[in-house]
Each structure stands twice: as C-alpha cells, then as structure tokens.
Amino acid sequence: MDIRHRGVLLCLLLYLLLGCTDGGDLVIEYVLPDGYAGYFWIAEDAEHGQEVRPVDGRVVLHIPDDGILLLKNDQFLSEWHSQESRYANGEPLPRGRLRTTSNEEHALYSLGTSHDGIDKYLVGPKRVYDEYYKNRGEAMVQLHQMFEERLRDKLNRMGEGAEGGRN
C-alpha cells in the first residue's frame, strides 16, 4: 500500500472516529417558545446582540418569538459541540435525524450556515425539511429574504432604522 492510500485511510479512520460523534465537551441547548414551528436564525451582531458565555460547559440559547437570535459573538457555534433542544415548558424537542425521524414528528434540523455567517434552523416535520432540500437553491434565497425582512422588523422595533444592519 503506497503512502497516498495510507493517508486516505488515516483520514477516513479519523473521520469515523471523530466526525461521527455527537460532539465535544461543549453543549449548546436551544430553548424555543412553546409550540414554536418554522425557521429560526442565529446571527452575530456586535452592536445589538446578546452576550452569551458557556457556564459549566453549557450554552443556553433562548430563541425569541420572532425567530432571530442576535449574539455579540457566535464563535462557539463553530466549535466542536453537541446539541440539545427543548421548548420553554421543558418539553423535549428531538434533533432531526434523516433516517429515524418520522415525516410528521416535529424536530430541530440544522440547515447550515450561509455565506455571511447566519446559522439557519428548522423546527418542523421531516417532510418540510425534505422539501427544503429538494428545492434548495430557491429555498435558500427565500429563506434569506425572510431573514432580512424579520431582521429589519426586529431592528426597527429596537429603535434602529432599516439601515442599521448587522455588524
């Protein structure tokens, strides 16, 4: 076996050992309003965002009713972590699993991070998640437009003009 094949096998082994676990020592817990369904976003905004720090290896993120959580610093989201989610009343919200989540059960799905650093999520049934990915290009544009509209409304409610934007 030549050196290239060994390198590929080593990378594959490391991926299987490290990449397929649920995460590291940091736990991020998403707390959603009771009965919340739909999209939500987490974005960094140094001026308007909340200060959030891990306490005992845990970060608790309370998602507001408007679905936009602004954080002063969201660097921890790109660190190795595990995720938990629940509604404010304590009812657990399962993580969406592509193979094990039913088409009707509500679950939390990560939709990835956009080119401008906005983390996108869906709380809903697997069929909505599947529809998003089936029409991903168009859905991503629509989702970004929805985010920008909600962000503008949020900043206006906070006393900022529509030009306030994110930092």
C-alpha atoms as a PDB file:
ATOM      1  CA  MET A   1       0.000   0.000   0.000  1.00  0.00           C
ATOM      2  CA  ASP A   2       1.544   3.309  -1.042  1.00  0.00           C
ATOM      3  CA  ILE A   3       1.727   6.474   1.060  1.00  0.00           C
ATOM      4  CA  ARG A   4      -1.288   8.116  -0.635  1.00  0.00           C
ATOM      5  CA  HIS A   5      -3.565   5.209   0.228  1.00  0.00           C
ATOM      6  CA  ARG A   6      -2.333   5.207   3.822  1.00  0.00           C
ATOM      7  CA  GLY A   7      -3.064   8.925   4.093  1.00  0.00           C
ATOM      8  CA  VAL A   8      -6.584   8.477   2.734  1.00  0.00           C
ATOM      9  CA  LEU A   9      -7.212   5.565   5.077  1.00  0.00           C
ATOM     10  CA  LEU A  10      -5.879   7.543   8.042  1.00  0.00           C
ATOM     11  CA  CYS A  11      -8.164  10.497   7.199  1.00  0.00           C
ATOM     12  CA  LEU A  12     -11.129   8.160   6.811  1.00  0.00           C
ATOM     13  CA  LEU A  13     -10.371   6.483  10.123  1.00  0.00           C
ATOM     14  CA  LEU A  14     -10.073   9.844  11.905  1.00  0.00           C
ATOM     15  CA  TYR A  15     -13.346  10.989  10.353  1.00  0.00           C
ATOM     16  CA  LEU A  16     -15.112   7.846  11.500  1.00  0.00           C
ATOM     17  CA  LEU A  17     -13.674   8.086  14.991  1.00  0.00           C
ATOM     18  CA  LEU A  18     -14.132  11.830  15.484  1.00  0.00           C
ATOM     19  CA  GLY A  19     -16.588  13.067  12.886  1.00  0.00           C
ATOM     20  CA  CYS A  20     -19.450  10.737  13.673  1.00  0.00           C
ATOM     21  CA  THR A  21     -19.829  11.539  17.351  1.00  0.00           C
ATOM     22  CA  ASP A  22     -22.428  13.914  18.745  1.00  0.00           C
ATOM     23  CA  GLY A  23     -19.844  16.483  19.781  1.00  0.00           C
ATOM     24  CA  GLY A  24     -17.287  17.561  22.302  1.00  0.00           C
ATOM     25  CA  ASP A  25     -17.428  18.900  25.815  1.00  0.00           C
ATOM     26  CA  LEU A  26     -19.496  21.993  24.934  1.00  0.00           C
ATOM     27  CA  VAL A  27     -23.269  21.546  24.933  1.00  0.00           C
ATOM     28  CA  ILE A  28     -25.475  24.062  23.135  1.00  0.00           C
ATOM     29  CA  GLU A  29     -29.081  23.950  24.276  1.00  0.00           C
ATOM     30  CA  TYR A  30     -31.725  25.604  22.116  1.00  0.00           C
ATOM     31  CA  VAL A  31     -34.807  26.704  24.083  1.00  0.00           C
ATOM     32  CA  LEU A  32     -37.734  27.594  21.843  1.00  0.00           C
ATOM     33  CA  PRO A  33     -41.042  29.263  22.660  1.00  0.00           C
ATOM     34  CA  ASP A  34     -43.743  26.706  23.491  1.00  0.00           C
ATOM     35  CA  GLY A  35     -45.213  25.247  20.312  1.00  0.00           C
ATOM     36  CA  TYR A  36     -42.701  27.014  18.037  1.00  0.00           C
ATOM     37  CA  ALA A  37     -42.634  25.717  14.476  1.00  0.00           C
ATOM     38  CA  GLY A  38     -40.849  27.177  11.475  1.00  0.00           C
ATOM     39  CA  TYR A  39     -37.445  28.632  10.748  1.00  0.00           C
ATOM     40  CA  PHE A  40     -35.114  30.437  13.097  1.00  0.00           C
ATOM     41  CA  TRP A  41     -31.748  32.093  12.668  1.00  0.00           C
ATOM     42  CA  ILE A  42     -28.734  32.864  14.824  1.00  0.00           C
ATOM     43  CA  ALA A  43     -26.573  35.749  13.665  1.00  0.00           C
ATOM     44  CA  GLU A  44     -23.653  37.680  15.064  1.00  0.00           C
ATOM     45  CA  ASP A  45     -24.308  41.371  15.658  1.00  0.00           C
ATOM     46  CA  ALA A  46     -21.717  43.121  17.835  1.00  0.00           C
ATOM     47  CA  GLU A  47     -23.955  46.152  18.421  1.00  0.00           C
ATOM     48  CA  HIS A  48     -27.386  44.600  19.039  1.00  0.00           C
ATOM     49  CA  GLY A  49     -26.548  41.057  20.071  1.00  0.00           C
ATOM     50  CA  GLN A  50     -26.783  39.399  23.454  1.00  0.00           C
ATOM     51  CA  GLU A  51     -23.676  38.398  25.365  1.00  0.00           C
ATOM     52  CA  VAL A  52     -23.703  34.626  25.846  1.00  0.00           C
ATOM     53  CA  ARG A  53     -20.992  32.632  27.583  1.00  0.00           C
ATOM     54  CA  PRO A  54     -20.667  28.963  28.457  1.00  0.00           C
ATOM     55  CA  VAL A  55     -21.452  28.081  32.068  1.00  0.00           C
ATOM     56  CA  ASP A  56     -20.128  24.698  33.194  1.00  0.00           C
ATOM     57  CA  GLY A  57     -19.589  23.687  29.558  1.00  0.00           C
ATOM     58  CA  ARG A  58     -23.126  24.613  28.517  1.00  0.00           C
ATOM     59  CA  VAL A  59     -24.530  27.476  26.424  1.00  0.00           C
ATOM     60  CA  VAL A  60     -28.286  28.030  26.658  1.00  0.00           C
ATOM     61  CA  LEU A  61     -29.772  29.933  23.719  1.00  0.00           C
ATOM     62  CA  HIS A  62     -33.314  31.237  24.192  1.00  0.00           C
ATOM     63  CA  ILE A  63     -34.801  31.710  20.737  1.00  0.00           C
ATOM     64  CA  PRO A  64     -37.195  34.690  20.674  1.00  0.00           C
ATOM     65  CA  ASP A  65     -40.711  34.558  19.236  1.00  0.00           C
ATOM     66  CA  ASP A  66     -39.577  36.355  16.055  1.00  0.00           C
ATOM     67  CA  GLY A  67     -37.093  33.554  15.309  1.00  0.00           C
ATOM     68  CA  ILE A  68     -33.974  35.756  15.218  1.00  0.00           C
ATOM     69  CA  LEU A  69     -31.366  35.466  17.938  1.00  0.00           C
ATOM     70  CA  LEU A  70     -28.629  38.077  17.677  1.00  0.00           C
ATOM     71  CA  LEU A  71     -25.406  37.381  19.572  1.00  0.00           C
ATOM     72  CA  LYS A  72     -22.466  39.676  20.217  1.00  0.00           C
ATOM     73  CA  ASN A  73     -20.188  36.760  19.415  1.00  0.00           C
ATOM     74  CA  ASP A  74     -21.229  33.432  17.931  1.00  0.00           C
ATOM     75  CA  GLN A  75     -17.773  31.868  17.627  1.00  0.00           C
ATOM     76  CA  PHE A  76     -18.749  28.997  19.937  1.00  0.00           C
ATOM     77  CA  LEU A  77     -21.205  27.773  17.266  1.00  0.00           C
ATOM     78  CA  SER A  78     -18.268  26.815  15.060  1.00  0.00           C
ATOM     79  CA  GLU A  79     -16.537  24.918  17.867  1.00  0.00           C
ATOM     80  CA  TRP A  80     -16.993  21.195  18.348  1.00  0.00           C
ATOM     81  CA  HIS A  81     -20.205  20.768  20.374  1.00  0.00           C
ATOM     82  CA  SER A  82     -23.239  18.642  20.999  1.00  0.00           C
ATOM     83  CA  GLN A  83     -26.788  19.947  20.751  1.00  0.00           C
ATOM     84  CA  GLU A  84     -29.926  19.634  22.823  1.00  0.00           C
ATOM     85  CA  SER A  85     -33.259  21.313  22.257  1.00  0.00           C
ATOM     86  CA  ARG A  86     -36.493  21.795  24.130  1.00  0.00           C
ATOM     87  CA  TYR A  87     -39.476  24.060  24.408  1.00  0.00           C
ATOM     88  CA  ALA A  88     -39.617  26.665  27.197  1.00  0.00           C
ATOM     89  CA  ASN A  89     -42.071  24.479  29.149  1.00  0.00           C
ATOM     90  CA  GLY A  90     -39.415  21.739  29.286  1.00  0.00           C
ATOM     91  CA  GLU A  91     -40.937  19.510  26.597  1.00  0.00           C
ATOM     92  CA  PRO A  92     -38.050  17.926  24.699  1.00  0.00           C
ATOM     93  CA  LEU A  93     -37.614  18.697  21.018  1.00  0.00           C
ATOM     94  CA  PRO A  94     -35.708  15.898  19.292  1.00  0.00           C
ATOM     95  CA  ARG A  95     -32.903  16.547  16.837  1.00  0.00           C
ATOM     96  CA  GLY A  96     -33.910  15.698  13.319  1.00  0.00           C
ATOM     97  CA  ARG A  97     -32.321  12.500  12.121  1.00  0.00           C
ATOM     98  CA  LEU A  98     -32.609  11.817   8.438  1.00  0.00           C
ATOM     99  CA  ARG A  99     -33.267   8.108   8.831  1.00  0.00           C
ATOM    100  CA  THR A 100     -35.112   7.854  12.139  1.00  0.00           C
ATOM    101  CA  THR A 101     -37.367  10.908  12.359  1.00  0.00           C
ATOM    102  CA  SER A 102     -40.930  10.371  11.188  1.00  0.00           C
ATOM    103  CA  ASN A 103     -42.399  12.608   8.490  1.00  0.00           C
ATOM    104  CA  GLU A 104     -44.843  14.206  10.969  1.00  0.00           C
ATOM    105  CA  GLU A 105     -42.862  14.450  14.208  1.00  0.00           C
ATOM    106  CA  HIS A 106     -41.516  17.928  14.896  1.00  0.00           C
ATOM    107  CA  ALA A 107     -37.766  18.021  15.326  1.00  0.00           C
ATOM    108  CA  LEU A 108     -34.886  20.513  15.163  1.00  0.00           C
ATOM    109  CA  TYR A 109     -32.957  20.463  11.877  1.00  0.00           C
ATOM    110  CA  SER A 110     -29.829  22.451  11.168  1.00  0.00           C
ATOM    111  CA  LEU A 111     -29.911  23.973   7.680  1.00  0.00           C
ATOM    112  CA  GLY A 112     -26.277  25.029   7.794  1.00  0.00           C
ATOM    113  CA  THR A 113     -24.554  28.383   7.793  1.00  0.00           C
ATOM    114  CA  SER A 114     -24.952  30.898   4.985  1.00  0.00           C
ATOM    115  CA  HIS A 115     -22.035  32.602   3.242  1.00  0.00           C
ATOM    116  CA  ASP A 116     -22.461  35.611   5.552  1.00  0.00           C
ATOM    117  CA  GLY A 117     -22.327  33.553   8.754  1.00  0.00           C
ATOM    118  CA  ILE A 118     -26.033  33.193   9.564  1.00  0.00           C
ATOM    119  CA  ASP A 119     -26.890  29.846  11.140  1.00  0.00           C
ATOM    120  CA  LYS A 120     -30.258  28.549   9.912  1.00  0.00           C
ATOM    121  CA  TYR A 121     -32.563  26.040  11.570  1.00  0.00           C
ATOM    122  CA  LEU A 122     -35.963  24.473  11.060  1.00  0.00           C
ATOM    123  CA  VAL A 123     -38.370  23.222  13.685  1.00  0.00           C
ATOM    124  CA  GLY A 124     -40.905  21.056  11.945  1.00  0.00           C
ATOM    125  CA  PRO A 125     -41.626  17.670  10.440  1.00  0.00           C
ATOM    126  CA  LYS A 126     -39.131  15.813   8.272  1.00  0.00           C
ATOM    127  CA  ARG A 127     -41.295  16.304   5.178  1.00  0.00           C
ATOM    128  CA  VAL A 128     -40.763  20.103   5.422  1.00  0.00           C
ATOM    129  CA  TYR A 129     -37.015  19.541   5.800  1.00  0.00           C
ATOM    130  CA  ASP A 130     -37.052  17.227   2.763  1.00  0.00           C
ATOM    131  CA  GLU A 131     -38.983  19.814   0.726  1.00  0.00           C
ATOM    132  CA  TYR A 132     -36.430  22.486   1.672  1.00  0.00           C
ATOM    133  CA  TYR A 133     -33.580  20.345   0.359  1.00  0.00           C
ATOM    134  CA  LYS A 134     -35.473  19.223  -2.727  1.00  0.00           C
ATOM    135  CA  ASN A 135     -35.748  22.882  -3.815  1.00  0.00           C
ATOM    136  CA  ARG A 136     -32.606  24.015  -2.021  1.00  0.00           C
ATOM    137  CA  GLY A 137     -31.423  26.785  -4.339  1.00  0.00           C
ATOM    138  CA  GLU A 138     -34.750  28.598  -4.451  1.00  0.00           C
ATOM    139  CA  ALA A 139     -35.490  27.786  -0.802  1.00  0.00           C
ATOM    140  CA  MET A 140     -32.165  29.287   0.333  1.00  0.00           C
ATOM    141  CA  VAL A 141     -32.934  32.559  -1.457  1.00  0.00           C
ATOM    142  CA  GLN A 142     -36.440  32.701   0.021  1.00  0.00           C
ATOM    143  CA  LEU A 143     -35.134  31.860   3.496  1.00  0.00           C
ATOM    144  CA  HIS A 144     -32.508  34.606   3.292  1.00  0.00           C
ATOM    145  CA  GLN A 145     -35.138  37.135   2.171  1.00  0.00           C
ATOM    146  CA  MET A 146     -37.362  36.074   5.082  1.00  0.00           C
ATOM    147  CA  PHE A 147     -34.430  36.552   7.461  1.00  0.00           C
ATOM    148  CA  GLU A 148     -33.625  40.025   6.115  1.00  0.00           C
ATOM    149  CA  GLU A 149     -37.276  41.124   6.444  1.00  0.00           C
ATOM    150  CA  ARG A 150     -37.540  39.813  10.009  1.00  0.00           C
ATOM    151  CA  LEU A 151     -34.193  41.354  10.928  1.00  0.00           C
ATOM    152  CA  ARG A 152     -35.288  44.735   9.569  1.00  0.00           C
ATOM    153  CA  ASP A 153     -38.500  44.500  11.621  1.00  0.00           C
ATOM    154  CA  LYS A 154     -36.562  43.481  14.721  1.00  0.00           C
ATOM    155  CA  LEU A 155     -34.093  46.361  14.408  1.00  0.00           C
ATOM    156  CA  ASN A 156     -36.960  48.790  13.820  1.00  0.00           C
ATOM    157  CA  ARG A 157     -38.643  47.542  16.995  1.00  0.00           C
ATOM    158  CA  MET A 158     -35.332  48.057  18.797  1.00  0.00           C
ATOM    159  CA  GLY A 159     -35.377  51.700  17.689  1.00  0.00           C
ATOM    160  CA  GLU A 160     -32.955  51.341  14.803  1.00  0.00           C
ATOM    161  CA  GLY A 161     -33.619  52.316  11.209  1.00  0.00           C
ATOM    162  CA  ALA A 162     -33.835  49.732   8.465  1.00  0.00           C
ATOM    163  CA  GLU A 163     -30.281  50.720   7.517  1.00  0.00           C
ATOM    164  CA  GLY A 164     -28.996  49.586  10.922  1.00  0.00           C
ATOM    165  CA  GLY A 165     -27.900  46.247   9.523  1.00  0.00           C
ATOM    166  CA  ARG A 166     -25.691  43.681  11.186  1.00  0.00           C
ATOM    167  CA  ASN A 167     -22.073  44.124  12.154  1.00  0.00           C
END
